[in-house]
């Protein structure tokens, strides 16, 4: 098959762990990753944690012959770290910062400062037409086994991401979503994404024969990669070997946190003549050490997915035999200058015409399960209570600092000797800093988090009420309206 066969699509995703001054062996690893990708035949590459723009420029230049179109995304104070490279023309690009990304006081984690987000490009595929490619990195802290309120921010990320992917499909676009979702397959965030956005998991679709090991059997690290698609916390990764692991990671010799998800356009506007996108193979990549070294390419492994574009009884390369809900064709646009008799010459401009068809049925038949909604609301409500209590505690510290500052000001003229003055000055500076920080965190960020959680909780309650209404013929909506009075 030709290297550039359009009825096949190869996608790759990798968390590069490329934070300046923090990530070990960053320059050497980025160089090694670039060399491998430059020799690959991927059509779309999604990279996470590629924060240094010079690293992006190096990757872009090395891959420009195969992947001439690329986008580096900006978000937060330190950048999103998200990059998408494509063989196909990029028609549009956007980034959606998640409304909750941890706390600004949690400096070491850094999620709030980098502005975790869902980045996407709209590409013009020669067969599929408009295809929206998402790249994301969800909130990291909390894991999958911690308290409910630790999971809330990642659930908010998942809900917002699922809405974006679903909206893209509802206007007739194909959707490909890749990235580090920081969640194992059975975790609530992945359930939200699968159920609400109706996204298929490329690994699951191409590994239907894989079964869970017996209760007491622990696979080898290499078998775990092949069987379960482990991409993080593997003993074979030099950066995670020997680190304390959660029960899940110990059982499966790591975690599958990196995904390639996909779906076709919603129906309608899709029809039975709309080509199907099907994953035929996935493979975990970059599992070995960088040649000549004793360290891995990243603290995550990469994931590649190969898709096939088919339509039984039709040639998908023949536009007369298929129906593409959102085509992306080049059309000649007549210049207005041609209608002006005073102008002797004018040039015809070419541009992409991006028609999209509105979906007349905004709520698909498949919906979030009641279990997913209940579990999500439970975590979000727990986080809401935690956020309110924490903000109240921080504001209490602020008031205490103000009182102590007033005491220091009043008692400063009564200092017994000059040697204590520097201590008073240092204590005053510290209390002023602490008071300012607690006011900012407790009031500004505290209100921010509570308001964001309130929005998501109410969205999910309305969504649940609409499902109840559809199932009971209106009783659900009446009950919800009564409960909110």
Protein backbone atom coordinates (compact mmCIF):
# COMPACT_ATOMS: atom_id res chain seq x y z
CA UNK A 1 0.00 0.00 0.00
CA UNK A 2 1.18 3.50 -0.77
CA UNK A 3 2.75 5.45 2.06
CA UNK A 4 0.21 8.19 1.41
CA UNK A 5 -2.92 6.03 1.03
CA UNK A 6 -5.81 8.25 2.10
CA UNK A 7 -8.09 5.37 3.11
CA UNK A 8 -5.74 4.67 6.03
CA UNK A 9 -4.96 7.04 8.85
CA UNK A 10 -2.15 6.67 11.37
CA UNK A 11 -2.25 8.64 14.62
CA UNK A 12 0.38 8.88 17.36
CA UNK A 13 0.30 10.43 20.83
CA UNK A 14 3.04 10.89 23.45
CA UNK A 15 3.48 12.79 26.70
CA UNK A 16 7.04 14.09 26.17
CA UNK A 17 7.68 15.24 29.77
CA UNK A 18 9.38 18.38 28.48
CA UNK A 19 9.29 20.87 31.34
CA UNK A 20 12.29 23.21 31.30
CA UNK A 21 14.72 22.89 34.25
CA UNK A 22 12.59 20.13 35.81
CA UNK A 23 12.37 17.18 33.41
CA UNK A 24 15.48 15.03 33.40
CA UNK A 25 17.49 14.70 30.18
CA UNK A 26 14.94 16.87 28.39
CA UNK A 27 17.05 18.04 25.46
CA UNK A 28 18.52 14.61 24.76
CA UNK A 29 15.13 12.93 24.99
CA UNK A 30 13.37 15.47 22.74
CA UNK A 31 16.15 15.01 20.19
CA UNK A 32 15.76 11.22 20.35
CA UNK A 33 11.95 11.44 20.07
CA UNK A 34 12.31 13.73 17.07
CA UNK A 35 14.65 11.30 15.28
CA UNK A 36 12.21 8.42 15.66
CA UNK A 37 9.17 10.48 14.59
CA UNK A 38 11.03 11.87 11.58
CA UNK A 39 11.40 8.30 10.28
CA UNK A 40 7.77 7.38 10.96
CA UNK A 41 4.76 7.42 8.64
CA UNK A 42 2.19 8.97 10.98
CA UNK A 43 -0.44 11.26 9.50
CA UNK A 44 -1.30 13.03 12.78
CA UNK A 45 0.87 13.43 15.87
CA UNK A 46 -0.37 14.79 19.21
CA UNK A 47 2.27 15.68 21.80
CA UNK A 48 1.76 16.72 25.41
CA UNK A 49 4.14 18.43 27.84
CA UNK A 50 6.23 19.93 25.03
CA UNK A 51 6.39 23.26 26.83
CA UNK A 52 9.61 24.74 25.45
CA UNK A 53 8.91 26.53 22.16
CA UNK A 54 12.44 25.85 20.89
CA UNK A 55 11.77 22.11 21.31
CA UNK A 56 8.58 22.49 19.29
CA UNK A 57 10.44 24.35 16.54
CA UNK A 58 12.99 21.55 16.39
CA UNK A 59 10.30 18.89 16.11
CA UNK A 60 8.35 20.91 13.54
CA UNK A 61 11.36 21.46 11.32
CA UNK A 62 12.46 17.82 11.46
CA UNK A 63 8.96 16.54 10.60
CA UNK A 64 7.97 19.27 8.12
CA UNK A 65 8.53 17.13 5.03
CA UNK A 66 6.02 14.51 6.14
CA UNK A 67 3.82 16.69 8.37
CA UNK A 68 3.89 20.23 6.93
CA UNK A 69 1.07 21.59 9.12
CA UNK A 70 1.43 22.10 12.86
CA UNK A 71 0.15 24.13 15.81
CA UNK A 72 1.71 24.99 19.18
CA UNK A 73 -0.96 25.94 21.71
CA UNK A 74 -0.76 28.60 24.43
CA UNK A 75 -2.63 28.50 27.72
CA UNK A 76 -2.16 29.58 31.32
CA UNK A 77 1.03 31.24 32.53
CA UNK A 78 3.47 28.56 31.37
CA UNK A 79 1.72 27.27 28.26
CA UNK A 80 -0.45 24.25 27.59
CA UNK A 81 2.40 22.04 26.39
CA UNK A 82 0.13 20.76 23.62
CA UNK A 83 1.21 20.34 20.00
CA UNK A 84 -0.53 18.86 16.95
CA UNK A 85 1.24 18.04 13.68
CA UNK A 86 -0.69 17.00 10.58
CA UNK A 87 -0.15 15.78 7.04
CA UNK A 88 -3.43 17.44 6.08
CA UNK A 89 -4.14 21.19 5.88
CA UNK A 90 -5.20 22.83 9.14
CA UNK A 91 -8.29 24.95 8.54
CA UNK A 92 -8.80 26.26 12.06
CA UNK A 93 -7.39 25.89 15.55
CA UNK A 94 -8.75 26.57 19.00
CA UNK A 95 -8.00 25.86 22.65
CA UNK A 96 -10.44 25.51 25.52
CA UNK A 97 -8.78 25.94 28.96
CA UNK A 98 -10.59 23.83 31.53
CA UNK A 99 -12.44 25.83 34.15
CA UNK A 100 -10.73 23.97 37.02
CA UNK A 101 -7.05 22.97 37.01
CA UNK A 102 -5.98 22.66 40.61
CA UNK A 103 -5.05 25.50 42.94
CA UNK A 104 -2.54 28.35 42.47
CA UNK A 105 -1.17 27.58 45.93
CA UNK A 106 -0.10 24.12 44.77
CA UNK A 107 3.06 25.36 43.07
CA UNK A 108 4.85 22.00 42.89
CA UNK A 109 2.04 20.29 40.95
CA UNK A 110 1.82 23.23 38.55
CA UNK A 111 -1.48 22.27 36.86
CA UNK A 112 -3.04 25.68 37.54
CA UNK A 113 -0.05 27.54 36.09
CA UNK A 114 0.11 25.59 32.82
CA UNK A 115 -3.63 25.89 32.22
CA UNK A 116 -4.67 22.32 31.34
CA UNK A 117 -6.84 22.51 28.24
CA UNK A 118 -8.46 20.80 25.27
CA UNK A 119 -6.69 21.92 22.11
CA UNK A 120 -8.01 21.10 18.67
CA UNK A 121 -7.40 21.66 14.98
CA UNK A 122 -9.84 21.27 12.14
CA UNK A 123 -8.16 19.47 9.26
CA UNK A 124 -9.23 18.92 5.66
CA UNK A 125 -9.06 15.17 5.05
CA UNK A 126 -9.39 14.15 1.38
CA UNK A 127 -12.02 11.51 2.18
CA UNK A 128 -13.49 12.38 5.58
CA UNK A 129 -13.77 16.12 4.94
CA UNK A 130 -13.76 18.22 8.09
CA UNK A 131 -12.09 16.23 10.85
CA UNK A 132 -11.62 17.71 14.31
CA UNK A 133 -8.46 16.50 16.03
CA UNK A 134 -8.30 17.04 19.78
CA UNK A 135 -5.22 16.92 21.97
CA UNK A 136 -5.59 17.16 25.73
CA UNK A 137 -3.94 16.59 29.09
CA UNK A 138 -6.33 16.27 32.01
CA UNK A 139 -5.71 17.34 35.61
CA UNK A 140 -3.18 15.02 37.24
CA UNK A 141 -3.43 15.11 41.04
CA UNK A 142 -5.55 12.70 43.07
CA UNK A 143 -5.14 9.52 41.09
CA UNK A 144 -8.00 7.10 40.72
CA UNK A 145 -8.04 5.73 44.26
CA UNK A 146 -7.97 8.87 46.42
CA UNK A 147 -10.84 10.70 48.16
CA UNK A 148 -13.77 11.78 46.00
CA UNK A 149 -12.99 15.48 46.29
CA UNK A 150 -9.51 14.89 44.82
CA UNK A 151 -11.08 13.50 41.62
CA UNK A 152 -13.47 16.40 41.03
CA UNK A 153 -11.25 18.62 38.88
CA UNK A 154 -10.48 15.78 36.48
CA UNK A 155 -14.21 15.01 36.27
CA UNK A 156 -14.85 18.65 35.36
CA UNK A 157 -12.17 18.35 32.65
CA UNK A 158 -13.78 15.16 31.33
CA UNK A 159 -17.27 16.70 31.19
CA UNK A 160 -16.05 19.80 29.35
CA UNK A 161 -13.98 17.71 26.95
CA UNK A 162 -16.88 15.36 26.24
CA UNK A 163 -19.12 18.32 25.37
CA UNK A 164 -16.57 19.68 22.90
CA UNK A 165 -16.11 16.34 21.16
CA UNK A 166 -19.84 15.72 20.99
CA UNK A 167 -20.52 19.18 19.54
CA UNK A 168 -17.93 18.57 16.83
CA UNK A 169 -19.68 15.35 15.79
CA UNK A 170 -23.12 16.99 15.84
CA UNK A 171 -22.12 19.41 13.07
CA UNK A 172 -21.06 16.50 10.87
CA UNK A 173 -17.36 16.21 11.62
CA UNK A 174 -15.26 13.15 12.30
CA UNK A 175 -13.54 13.32 15.68
CA UNK A 176 -10.12 12.03 16.70
CA UNK A 177 -9.05 12.69 20.29
CA UNK A 178 -5.63 11.85 21.68
CA UNK A 179 -3.69 12.69 24.80
CA UNK A 180 -2.87 11.97 28.40
CA UNK A 181 -6.20 11.64 30.20
CA UNK A 182 -4.64 10.76 33.58
CA UNK A 183 -7.37 8.16 34.13
CA UNK A 184 -7.49 4.39 33.82
CA UNK A 185 -10.14 2.95 31.44
CA UNK A 186 -12.63 2.06 34.19
CA UNK A 187 -12.40 5.44 35.96
CA UNK A 188 -15.41 7.83 35.98
CA UNK A 189 -13.72 10.49 33.75
CA UNK A 190 -13.32 7.96 30.93
CA UNK A 191 -16.90 6.76 31.42
CA UNK A 192 -18.11 10.34 30.98
CA UNK A 193 -16.08 10.79 27.80
CA UNK A 194 -17.14 7.47 26.29
CA UNK A 195 -20.81 7.77 27.18
CA UNK A 196 -21.47 11.46 26.58
CA UNK A 197 -19.25 12.03 23.54
CA UNK A 198 -19.80 8.46 22.24
CA UNK A 199 -16.09 8.15 21.56
CA UNK A 200 -14.64 4.74 20.76
CA UNK A 201 -11.43 3.59 22.43
CA UNK A 202 -8.95 2.61 19.72
CA UNK A 203 -7.08 0.22 22.02
CA UNK A 204 -10.24 -1.63 23.04
CA UNK A 205 -11.50 -1.88 19.46
CA UNK A 206 -8.23 -3.47 18.29
CA UNK A 207 -7.69 -5.70 21.34
CA UNK A 208 -11.08 -7.34 21.84
CA UNK A 209 -9.37 -10.67 22.59
CA UNK A 210 -7.62 -9.32 25.70
CA UNK A 211 -9.02 -10.54 28.98
CA UNK A 212 -8.45 -9.57 32.60
CA UNK A 213 -5.83 -11.82 34.25
CA UNK A 214 -6.84 -14.22 37.03
CA UNK A 215 -7.22 -12.64 40.45
CA UNK A 216 -3.86 -13.76 41.80
CA UNK A 217 -1.90 -13.55 38.55
CA UNK A 218 0.30 -10.54 37.91
CA UNK A 219 1.53 -10.23 34.31
CA UNK A 220 5.11 -9.42 33.49
CA UNK A 221 5.76 -5.73 32.71
CA UNK A 222 6.19 -6.55 29.01
CA UNK A 223 3.02 -8.66 28.88
CA UNK A 224 1.12 -5.86 30.63
CA UNK A 225 2.11 -3.45 27.86
CA UNK A 226 0.93 -5.80 25.13
CA UNK A 227 -2.22 -6.95 26.94
CA UNK A 228 -3.46 -3.77 28.62
CA UNK A 229 -1.75 -0.93 26.74
CA UNK A 230 0.19 0.28 29.80
CA UNK A 231 1.69 3.70 29.07
CA UNK A 232 2.60 5.01 32.55
CA UNK A 233 4.09 3.77 35.83
CA UNK A 234 5.63 0.76 34.11
CA UNK A 235 8.62 -0.94 35.80
CA UNK A 236 10.22 -0.90 32.33
CA UNK A 237 10.30 2.89 32.31
CA UNK A 238 13.47 4.28 33.83
CA UNK A 239 11.67 7.28 35.32
CA UNK A 240 8.93 5.29 37.07
CA UNK A 241 10.84 2.13 38.01
CA UNK A 242 10.88 1.74 41.78
CA UNK A 243 8.40 4.51 42.55
CA UNK A 244 5.53 3.76 44.99
CA UNK A 245 2.46 2.62 43.06
CA UNK A 246 -1.27 2.45 43.74
CA UNK A 247 -2.95 -0.95 44.01
CA UNK A 248 -4.20 -0.74 40.44
CA UNK A 249 -0.74 -0.01 39.04
CA UNK A 250 0.78 -2.88 41.04
CA UNK A 251 -1.85 -5.31 39.78
CA UNK A 252 -1.48 -4.34 36.12
CA UNK A 253 2.23 -3.45 36.17
CA UNK A 254 1.39 0.15 35.36
CA UNK A 255 -1.53 2.16 34.05
CA UNK A 256 -3.10 2.96 30.70
CA UNK A 257 -3.45 6.76 30.87
CA UNK A 258 -2.84 7.68 27.23
CA UNK A 259 -5.57 7.17 24.66
CA UNK A 260 -6.57 7.60 21.05
CA UNK A 261 -10.36 7.98 20.86
CA UNK A 262 -12.49 8.43 17.76
CA UNK A 263 -15.95 8.55 16.27
CA UNK A 264 -17.83 9.45 13.11
CA UNK A 265 -20.37 12.24 12.63
CA UNK A 266 -23.67 12.08 14.49
CA UNK A 267 -26.64 10.69 12.63
CA UNK A 268 -28.19 12.88 11.39
CA UNK A 269 -26.49 14.59 9.58
CA UNK A 270 -24.51 11.42 8.75
CA UNK A 271 -26.25 8.83 6.57
CA UNK A 272 -25.75 5.22 5.54
CA UNK A 273 -23.44 6.47 2.77
CA UNK A 274 -21.09 8.17 5.20
CA UNK A 275 -17.69 6.38 5.37
CA UNK A 276 -16.81 4.55 8.56
CA UNK A 277 -13.65 5.17 10.56
CA UNK A 278 -12.49 1.95 12.20
CA UNK A 279 -9.37 1.23 14.25
CA UNK A 280 -7.59 -1.89 13.00
CA UNK A 281 -4.42 -1.76 15.09
CA UNK A 282 -2.89 -0.03 18.12
CA UNK A 283 0.55 -0.42 19.62
CA UNK A 284 2.43 1.02 22.60
CA UNK A 285 5.62 2.70 21.37
CA UNK A 286 8.86 4.09 22.85
CA UNK A 287 9.02 1.29 25.43
CA UNK A 288 12.77 0.82 25.12
CA UNK A 289 15.54 3.10 26.39
CA UNK A 290 17.00 5.82 24.21
CA UNK A 291 19.79 4.08 22.24
CA UNK A 292 23.14 4.37 23.96
CA UNK A 293 21.64 5.54 27.28
CA UNK A 294 20.06 4.07 30.39
CA UNK A 295 16.95 6.29 30.37
CA UNK A 296 13.58 6.16 28.61
CA UNK A 297 12.26 8.51 25.94
CA UNK A 298 9.79 9.96 28.45
CA UNK A 299 8.08 9.09 31.71
CA UNK A 300 5.18 7.86 29.53
CA UNK A 301 5.19 5.45 26.61
CA UNK A 302 3.66 6.51 23.30
CA UNK A 303 0.61 5.08 21.59
CA UNK A 304 -0.01 4.66 17.87
CA UNK A 305 -3.32 3.80 16.21
CA UNK A 306 -4.02 2.79 12.62
CA UNK A 307 -7.47 3.47 11.20
CA UNK A 308 -9.17 2.20 8.08
CA UNK A 309 -11.78 4.22 6.20
CA UNK A 310 -14.38 1.92 4.65
CA UNK A 311 -17.91 1.81 3.31
CA UNK A 312 -19.30 -1.58 2.28
CA UNK A 313 -20.30 -1.65 -1.37
CA UNK A 314 -18.66 1.67 -2.22
CA UNK A 315 -15.29 3.15 -3.10
CA UNK A 316 -14.55 5.69 -0.35
CA UNK A 317 -12.14 7.53 -2.63
CA UNK A 318 -14.98 8.27 -5.05
CA UNK A 319 -16.99 11.27 -3.75
CA UNK A 320 -19.94 10.28 -5.95
CA UNK A 321 -20.39 7.08 -3.93
CA UNK A 322 -20.21 8.62 -0.46
CA UNK A 323 -21.90 11.33 1.56
CA UNK A 324 -19.70 13.56 3.71
CA UNK A 325 -21.79 15.71 6.10
CA UNK A 326 -19.10 18.37 6.49
CA UNK A 327 -16.90 18.47 3.39
CA UNK A 328 -13.80 20.62 3.13
CA UNK A 329 -13.27 21.23 -0.57
CA UNK A 330 -11.25 23.87 -2.38
CA UNK A 331 -13.52 26.13 -4.39
CA UNK A 332 -12.69 29.11 -6.52
CA UNK A 333 -14.13 32.28 -5.02
CA UNK A 334 -14.85 35.01 -7.53
CA UNK A 335 -13.24 38.26 -6.52
CA UNK A 336 -15.63 41.25 -6.16
CA UNK A 337 -13.09 43.26 -8.14
CA UNK A 338 -14.07 41.33 -11.27
CA UNK A 339 -17.46 43.08 -11.23
CA UNK A 340 -15.82 46.50 -11.30
CA UNK A 341 -15.38 47.71 -14.94
CA UNK A 342 -12.80 50.28 -13.79
CA UNK A 343 -10.42 47.51 -12.77
CA UNK A 344 -8.54 46.01 -15.68
CA UNK A 345 -7.13 42.93 -13.93
CA UNK A 346 -8.02 40.98 -10.91
CA UNK A 347 -7.04 37.62 -9.48
CA UNK A 348 -9.32 34.86 -8.35
CA UNK A 349 -8.69 33.83 -4.76
CA UNK A 350 -8.94 30.27 -3.53
CA UNK A 351 -10.05 29.36 -0.06
CA UNK A 352 -11.56 26.50 1.86
CA UNK A 353 -15.34 26.49 2.04
CA UNK A 354 -16.45 24.95 5.32
CA UNK A 355 -20.10 24.03 5.17
CA UNK A 356 -21.55 22.30 8.20
CA UNK A 357 -24.98 20.87 8.77
CA UNK A 358 -26.74 21.54 12.05
CA UNK A 359 -27.90 18.45 13.85
CA UNK A 360 -31.70 18.58 14.29
CA UNK A 361 -31.48 16.10 17.16
CA UNK A 362 -29.11 17.65 19.73
CA UNK A 363 -29.55 14.84 22.27
CA UNK A 364 -28.39 11.46 20.92
CA UNK A 365 -30.16 8.29 21.91
CA UNK A 366 -27.12 7.05 23.83
CA UNK A 367 -26.61 9.03 27.00
CA UNK A 368 -24.65 9.09 30.21
CA UNK A 369 -25.65 6.23 32.47
CA UNK A 370 -27.37 7.09 35.77
CA UNK A 371 -24.42 5.48 37.57
CA UNK A 372 -21.94 7.82 35.86
CA UNK A 373 -24.05 10.90 36.60
CA UNK A 374 -24.54 9.91 40.25
CA UNK A 375 -20.84 9.13 40.80
CA UNK A 376 -19.81 12.40 39.15
CA UNK A 377 -22.26 14.49 41.14
CA UNK A 378 -21.13 12.76 44.34
CA UNK A 379 -17.49 13.72 43.68
CA UNK A 380 -18.35 17.25 42.60
CA UNK A 381 -20.55 17.82 45.65
CA UNK A 382 -17.80 16.50 47.93
CA UNK A 383 -15.37 18.91 46.27
CA UNK A 384 -17.85 21.77 46.64
CA UNK A 385 -18.08 21.20 50.40
CA UNK A 386 -14.31 20.81 50.64
CA UNK A 387 -13.74 24.04 48.64
CA UNK A 388 -16.15 26.02 50.83
CA UNK A 389 -14.56 24.71 54.04
CA UNK A 390 -11.03 25.34 52.77
CA UNK A 391 -11.86 28.88 51.64
CA UNK A 392 -13.40 29.60 55.04
CA UNK A 393 -10.27 28.27 56.76
CA UNK A 394 -7.97 30.38 54.56
CA UNK A 395 -10.02 33.51 55.19
CA UNK A 396 -9.80 32.78 58.91
CA UNK A 397 -6.01 32.76 58.58
CA UNK A 398 -6.26 36.08 56.71
CA UNK A 399 -8.25 37.66 59.58
CA UNK A 400 -5.80 36.26 62.14
CA UNK A 401 -2.86 37.74 60.20
CA UNK A 402 -4.54 41.16 60.10
CA UNK A 403 -5.11 41.04 63.86
CA UNK A 404 -1.47 40.08 64.48
CA UNK A 405 -0.28 42.87 62.16
CA UNK A 406 -2.34 45.38 64.12
CA UNK A 407 -0.82 44.06 67.36
CA UNK A 408 2.68 44.45 65.92
CA UNK A 409 1.96 48.01 64.78
CA UNK A 410 0.55 49.01 68.18
CA UNK A 411 3.36 47.39 70.17
CA UNK A 412 6.29 48.43 67.93
CA UNK A 413 6.91 51.73 69.84
CA UNK A 414 7.17 49.68 73.04
CA UNK A 415 10.07 47.52 71.85
CA UNK A 416 12.46 46.97 74.76
CA UNK A 417 15.69 47.13 72.72
CA UNK A 418 16.91 47.66 69.18
CA UNK A 419 18.03 44.05 68.61
CA UNK A 420 14.42 42.86 68.39
CA UNK A 421 13.51 45.34 65.63
CA UNK A 422 14.75 43.15 62.74
CA UNK A 423 12.66 40.26 64.09
CA UNK A 424 9.60 42.50 64.17
CA UNK A 425 10.26 43.60 60.58
CA UNK A 426 10.66 40.03 59.30
CA UNK A 427 7.54 38.92 61.17
CA UNK A 428 5.59 41.87 59.75
CA UNK A 429 6.69 41.07 56.19
CA UNK A 430 5.80 37.39 56.63
CA UNK A 431 2.36 38.14 58.06
CA UNK A 432 1.65 40.66 55.29
CA UNK A 433 2.61 38.08 52.65
CA UNK A 434 0.57 35.35 54.32
CA UNK A 435 -2.46 37.63 54.69
CA UNK A 436 -2.31 38.63 51.01
CA UNK A 437 -1.90 35.02 49.88
CA UNK A 438 -4.75 33.74 52.04
CA UNK A 439 -7.04 36.54 50.84
CA UNK A 440 -6.25 35.74 47.23
CA UNK A 441 -6.55 31.97 47.63
CA UNK A 442 -9.46 31.99 50.04
CA UNK A 443 -11.58 34.65 48.39
CA UNK A 444 -10.60 35.04 44.73
CA UNK A 445 -9.70 31.43 43.94
CA UNK A 446 -12.17 30.07 46.49
CA UNK A 447 -15.07 31.85 44.79
CA UNK A 448 -13.69 30.86 41.38
CA UNK A 449 -13.66 27.16 42.26
CA UNK A 450 -17.04 27.19 43.98
CA UNK A 451 -18.68 29.00 41.05
CA UNK A 452 -17.13 26.63 38.50
CA UNK A 453 -18.28 23.60 40.48
CA UNK A 454 -21.76 25.09 40.81
CA UNK A 455 -21.97 25.52 37.02
CA UNK A 456 -21.00 21.90 36.33
CA UNK A 457 -23.24 20.49 39.06
CA UNK A 458 -26.22 22.43 37.70
CA UNK A 459 -25.42 21.38 34.13
CA UNK A 460 -25.42 17.73 35.16
CA UNK A 461 -28.61 18.13 37.19
CA UNK A 462 -30.34 19.72 34.20
CA UNK A 463 -28.98 16.96 31.97
CA UNK A 464 -30.25 14.28 34.37
CA UNK A 465 -33.62 16.00 34.59
CA UNK A 466 -33.90 16.13 30.79
CA UNK A 467 -33.23 12.39 30.62
CA UNK A 468 -35.82 11.72 33.31
CA UNK A 469 -38.24 13.96 31.41
CA UNK A 470 -37.76 12.00 28.19
CA UNK A 471 -38.17 8.68 29.98
CA UNK A 472 -41.20 9.64 32.07
CA UNK A 473 -42.95 11.96 29.64
CA UNK A 474 -42.37 15.17 31.59
CA UNK A 475 -42.47 14.09 35.22
CA UNK A 476 -38.67 14.40 35.58
CA UNK A 477 -38.62 18.05 34.59
CA UNK A 478 -41.49 18.84 36.94
CA UNK A 479 -39.71 17.10 39.81
CA UNK A 480 -36.45 18.93 39.09
CA UNK A 481 -38.15 22.33 38.89
CA UNK A 482 -39.89 21.63 42.20
CA UNK A 483 -36.61 20.67 43.86
CA UNK A 484 -34.90 23.88 42.77
CA UNK A 485 -37.52 26.26 44.15
